[in-house]
Amino acid sequence: MSLVAFKIIYLILDIFSWIIIAGAIMSWLVAFGVVNTRNQFVRMLVDLLYRLTEPVLRPVRRLLPNLGGIDISPVIVLIAIFIVKDIILPAVFF
């Protein structure tokens, strides 16, 4: 049973890390004007990624100092996810 729980938690964290990466890339594409947010599909995708990642990224942003417009909260969250996936989960389940 613990192996199944380990795999489910690991998969959820892995999928969420890819969602965070996609959200960061999409925000760069919007900021640099590569994608047009007036396109309905692009707007829906940006909104979906924002709604999925913002509840996790917002508390991290509040803790970080102002870096002059550079948002490193996705990097901090990804590092935390990798630590949980590769260090904490195996120590708890095995």
N, C-alpha and C. Protein backbone atom coordinates (compact mmCIF):
# COMPACT_ATOMS: atom_id res chain seq x y z
N MET A 1 0.81 -1.20 0.00
CA MET A 1 0.00 0.00 0.00
C MET A 1 0.86 1.26 0.00
N SER A 2 1.96 1.24 0.72
CA SER A 2 2.78 2.45 0.80
C SER A 2 3.45 2.76 -0.53
N LEU A 3 3.74 1.74 -1.32
CA LEU A 3 4.35 1.98 -2.62
C LEU A 3 3.36 2.69 -3.55
N VAL A 4 2.10 2.33 -3.47
CA VAL A 4 1.08 2.98 -4.29
C VAL A 4 0.92 4.44 -3.87
N ALA A 5 0.88 4.70 -2.58
CA ALA A 5 0.78 6.08 -2.09
C ALA A 5 2.00 6.89 -2.50
N PHE A 6 3.19 6.29 -2.41
CA PHE A 6 4.41 6.96 -2.83
C PHE A 6 4.34 7.35 -4.31
N LYS A 7 3.91 6.41 -5.14
CA LYS A 7 3.84 6.68 -6.58
C LYS A 7 2.80 7.76 -6.91
N ILE A 8 1.67 7.76 -6.21
CA ILE A 8 0.62 8.76 -6.46
C ILE A 8 1.12 10.15 -6.06
N ILE A 9 1.71 10.26 -4.88
CA ILE A 9 2.22 11.56 -4.43
C ILE A 9 3.34 12.04 -5.35
N TYR A 10 4.22 11.13 -5.73
CA TYR A 10 5.32 11.47 -6.62
C TYR A 10 4.79 11.96 -7.97
N LEU A 11 3.79 11.29 -8.51
CA LEU A 11 3.20 11.68 -9.79
C LEU A 11 2.52 13.04 -9.70
N ILE A 12 1.78 13.29 -8.62
CA ILE A 12 1.12 14.58 -8.45
C ILE A 12 2.15 15.70 -8.38
N LEU A 13 3.21 15.50 -7.62
CA LEU A 13 4.26 16.52 -7.53
C LEU A 13 4.97 16.72 -8.87
N ASP A 14 5.17 15.64 -9.61
CA ASP A 14 5.80 15.74 -10.92
C ASP A 14 4.93 16.52 -11.90
N ILE A 15 3.65 16.22 -11.92
CA ILE A 15 2.73 16.94 -12.81
C ILE A 15 2.66 18.41 -12.42
N PHE A 16 2.61 18.71 -11.11
CA PHE A 16 2.53 20.10 -10.68
C PHE A 16 3.81 20.87 -11.02
N SER A 17 4.95 20.19 -10.97
CA SER A 17 6.19 20.88 -11.35
C SER A 17 6.17 21.24 -12.83
N TRP A 18 5.61 20.38 -13.67
CA TRP A 18 5.50 20.71 -15.10
C TRP A 18 4.49 21.84 -15.33
N ILE A 19 3.45 21.89 -14.52
CA ILE A 19 2.48 22.99 -14.62
C ILE A 19 3.14 24.31 -14.25
N ILE A 20 3.97 24.31 -13.22
CA ILE A 20 4.68 25.52 -12.84
C ILE A 20 5.64 25.96 -13.93
N ILE A 21 6.34 25.02 -14.55
CA ILE A 21 7.25 25.36 -15.65
C ILE A 21 6.47 25.94 -16.82
N ALA A 22 5.35 25.32 -17.15
CA ALA A 22 4.51 25.82 -18.25
C ALA A 22 3.98 27.22 -17.95
N GLY A 23 3.59 27.46 -16.70
CA GLY A 23 3.10 28.77 -16.32
C GLY A 23 4.18 29.84 -16.42
N ALA A 24 5.39 29.50 -16.01
CA ALA A 24 6.50 30.46 -16.11
C ALA A 24 6.82 30.77 -17.57
N ILE A 25 6.87 29.75 -18.39
CA ILE A 25 7.16 29.97 -19.81
C ILE A 25 6.05 30.78 -20.47
N MET A 26 4.81 30.48 -20.14
CA MET A 26 3.69 31.23 -20.71
C MET A 26 3.73 32.69 -20.27
N SER A 27 4.08 32.94 -19.03
CA SER A 27 4.16 34.34 -18.57
C SER A 27 5.27 35.09 -19.30
N TRP A 28 6.39 34.41 -19.60
CA TRP A 28 7.45 35.05 -20.38
C TRP A 28 6.97 35.35 -21.79
N LEU A 29 6.26 34.39 -22.39
CA LEU A 29 5.76 34.60 -23.76
C LEU A 29 4.77 35.76 -23.82
N VAL A 30 3.94 35.89 -22.80
CA VAL A 30 3.00 37.01 -22.75
C VAL A 30 3.75 38.32 -22.52
N ALA A 31 4.72 38.31 -21.61
CA ALA A 31 5.46 39.53 -21.28
C ALA A 31 6.26 40.05 -22.47
N PHE A 32 6.81 39.16 -23.28
CA PHE A 32 7.60 39.58 -24.43
C PHE A 32 6.78 39.75 -25.70
N GLY A 33 5.47 39.56 -25.60
CA GLY A 33 4.60 39.78 -26.74
C GLY A 33 4.66 38.71 -27.81
N VAL A 34 5.11 37.53 -27.45
CA VAL A 34 5.20 36.44 -28.43
C VAL A 34 3.82 35.86 -28.71
N VAL A 35 3.01 35.74 -27.67
CA VAL A 35 1.65 35.23 -27.85
C VAL A 35 0.67 36.37 -27.65
N ASN A 36 -0.44 36.28 -28.32
CA ASN A 36 -1.46 37.31 -28.28
C ASN A 36 -2.53 36.91 -27.28
N THR A 37 -2.66 37.66 -26.19
CA THR A 37 -3.66 37.31 -25.17
C THR A 37 -5.08 37.67 -25.59
N ARG A 38 -5.23 38.32 -26.72
CA ARG A 38 -6.59 38.56 -27.23
C ARG A 38 -7.17 37.32 -27.88
N ASN A 39 -6.32 36.34 -28.18
CA ASN A 39 -6.78 35.06 -28.68
C ASN A 39 -7.46 34.33 -27.52
N GLN A 40 -8.67 33.84 -27.74
CA GLN A 40 -9.45 33.23 -26.67
C GLN A 40 -8.77 31.99 -26.09
N PHE A 41 -8.19 31.14 -26.94
CA PHE A 41 -7.53 29.93 -26.44
C PHE A 41 -6.32 30.29 -25.58
N VAL A 42 -5.53 31.25 -26.03
CA VAL A 42 -4.35 31.66 -25.27
C VAL A 42 -4.78 32.26 -23.94
N ARG A 43 -5.81 33.08 -23.96
CA ARG A 43 -6.31 33.69 -22.73
C ARG A 43 -6.80 32.63 -21.75
N MET A 44 -7.50 31.62 -22.25
CA MET A 44 -7.98 30.53 -21.38
C MET A 44 -6.81 29.74 -20.81
N LEU A 45 -5.79 29.48 -21.62
CA LEU A 45 -4.62 28.74 -21.16
C LEU A 45 -3.85 29.52 -20.11
N VAL A 46 -3.66 30.81 -20.34
CA VAL A 46 -2.96 31.66 -19.37
C VAL A 46 -3.75 31.71 -18.07
N ASP A 47 -5.06 31.85 -18.15
CA ASP A 47 -5.90 31.90 -16.96
C ASP A 47 -5.86 30.58 -16.20
N LEU A 48 -5.91 29.46 -16.92
CA LEU A 48 -5.84 28.14 -16.28
C LEU A 48 -4.52 27.97 -15.54
N LEU A 49 -3.42 28.28 -16.20
CA LEU A 49 -2.12 28.14 -15.56
C LEU A 49 -1.98 29.07 -14.36
N TYR A 50 -2.51 30.28 -14.48
CA TYR A 50 -2.48 31.22 -13.37
C TYR A 50 -3.27 30.70 -12.18
N ARG A 51 -4.46 30.18 -12.43
CA ARG A 51 -5.31 29.68 -11.35
C ARG A 51 -4.72 28.44 -10.68
N LEU A 52 -3.99 27.63 -11.45
CA LEU A 52 -3.39 26.43 -10.87
C LEU A 52 -2.14 26.74 -10.05
N THR A 53 -1.36 27.72 -10.48
CA THR A 53 -0.08 27.97 -9.82
C THR A 53 -0.12 29.08 -8.78
N GLU A 54 -1.01 30.02 -8.92
CA GLU A 54 -1.01 31.19 -8.04
C GLU A 54 -1.23 30.86 -6.56
N PRO A 55 -2.08 29.90 -6.19
CA PRO A 55 -2.23 29.60 -4.75
C PRO A 55 -0.93 29.12 -4.09
N VAL A 56 -0.03 28.55 -4.85
CA VAL A 56 1.25 28.10 -4.30
C VAL A 56 2.31 29.20 -4.40
N LEU A 57 2.30 29.94 -5.50
CA LEU A 57 3.33 30.94 -5.72
C LEU A 57 3.11 32.22 -4.90
N ARG A 58 1.88 32.58 -4.64
CA ARG A 58 1.58 33.84 -3.93
C ARG A 58 2.22 33.89 -2.54
N PRO A 59 2.09 32.85 -1.69
CA PRO A 59 2.75 32.92 -0.38
C PRO A 59 4.28 33.01 -0.48
N VAL A 60 4.85 32.38 -1.47
CA VAL A 60 6.30 32.44 -1.66
C VAL A 60 6.70 33.85 -2.07
N ARG A 61 5.93 34.48 -2.93
CA ARG A 61 6.22 35.85 -3.36
C ARG A 61 6.17 36.82 -2.19
N ARG A 62 5.26 36.59 -1.25
CA ARG A 62 5.16 37.48 -0.09
C ARG A 62 6.40 37.39 0.79
N LEU A 63 7.03 36.22 0.83
CA LEU A 63 8.21 36.04 1.68
C LEU A 63 9.49 36.57 1.03
N LEU A 64 9.52 36.64 -0.28
CA LEU A 64 10.74 37.06 -0.98
C LEU A 64 10.86 38.58 -1.01
N PRO A 65 12.10 39.07 -0.98
CA PRO A 65 12.28 40.53 -1.10
C PRO A 65 12.02 40.97 -2.54
N ASN A 66 11.81 42.27 -2.71
CA ASN A 66 11.59 42.83 -4.04
C ASN A 66 12.89 42.76 -4.84
N LEU A 67 12.85 42.09 -5.96
CA LEU A 67 14.04 41.92 -6.80
C LEU A 67 13.96 42.75 -8.07
N GLY A 68 13.18 43.78 -8.05
CA GLY A 68 13.11 44.67 -9.20
C GLY A 68 12.36 44.10 -10.38
N GLY A 69 11.28 43.41 -10.15
CA GLY A 69 10.48 42.87 -11.24
C GLY A 69 10.83 41.45 -11.66
N ILE A 70 11.84 40.87 -11.04
CA ILE A 70 12.21 39.49 -11.35
C ILE A 70 11.50 38.57 -10.38
N ASP A 71 10.76 37.63 -10.90
CA ASP A 71 9.98 36.71 -10.08
C ASP A 71 10.69 35.36 -10.02
N ILE A 72 11.28 35.06 -8.87
CA ILE A 72 11.96 33.78 -8.72
C ILE A 72 11.14 32.78 -7.91
N SER A 73 9.88 33.12 -7.64
CA SER A 73 9.04 32.21 -6.86
C SER A 73 8.84 30.85 -7.54
N PRO A 74 8.71 30.77 -8.89
CA PRO A 74 8.61 29.43 -9.48
C PRO A 74 9.86 28.58 -9.25
N VAL A 75 11.02 29.21 -9.24
CA VAL A 75 12.26 28.47 -9.00
C VAL A 75 12.29 27.95 -7.57
N ILE A 76 11.89 28.78 -6.62
CA ILE A 76 11.86 28.37 -5.22
C ILE A 76 10.88 27.21 -5.01
N VAL A 77 9.71 27.29 -5.62
CA VAL A 77 8.71 26.23 -5.48
C VAL A 77 9.20 24.95 -6.16
N LEU A 78 9.84 25.07 -7.31
CA LEU A 78 10.37 23.88 -7.99
C LEU A 78 11.46 23.22 -7.16
N ILE A 79 12.33 24.00 -6.55
CA ILE A 79 13.36 23.42 -5.68
C ILE A 79 12.72 22.70 -4.51
N ALA A 80 11.68 23.30 -3.93
CA ALA A 80 10.98 22.66 -2.82
C ALA A 80 10.32 21.35 -3.26
N ILE A 81 9.72 21.36 -4.45
CA ILE A 81 9.09 20.14 -4.96
C ILE A 81 10.14 19.06 -5.20
N PHE A 82 11.27 19.42 -5.76
CA PHE A 82 12.33 18.43 -6.01
C PHE A 82 12.88 17.89 -4.69
N ILE A 83 13.00 18.72 -3.67
CA ILE A 83 13.46 18.24 -2.36
C ILE A 83 12.45 17.26 -1.78
N VAL A 84 11.18 17.60 -1.87
CA VAL A 84 10.14 16.70 -1.34
C VAL A 84 10.14 15.38 -2.12
N LYS A 85 10.20 15.46 -3.45
CA LYS A 85 10.15 14.25 -4.28
C LYS A 85 11.36 13.35 -4.07
N ASP A 86 12.54 13.92 -4.02
CA ASP A 86 13.75 13.11 -4.06
C ASP A 86 14.37 12.83 -2.69
N ILE A 87 14.02 13.60 -1.66
CA ILE A 87 14.63 13.39 -0.35
C ILE A 87 13.60 12.98 0.69
N ILE A 88 12.53 13.76 0.80
CA ILE A 88 11.58 13.53 1.89
C ILE A 88 10.69 12.32 1.63
N LEU A 89 10.11 12.21 0.43
CA LEU A 89 9.23 11.06 0.14
C LEU A 89 9.92 9.71 0.28
N PRO A 90 11.10 9.53 -0.30
CA PRO A 90 11.76 8.23 -0.09
C PRO A 90 12.10 7.95 1.38
N ALA A 91 12.45 9.00 2.15
CA ALA A 91 12.75 8.79 3.56
C ALA A 91 11.50 8.40 4.34
N VAL A 92 10.34 8.92 3.96
CA VAL A 92 9.11 8.61 4.68
C VAL A 92 8.58 7.23 4.29
N PHE A 93 8.64 6.89 3.02
CA PHE A 93 7.99 5.65 2.57
C PHE A 93 8.91 4.44 2.56
N PHE A 94 10.23 4.63 2.58
CA PHE A 94 11.11 3.46 2.48
C PHE A 94 12.10 3.38 3.61
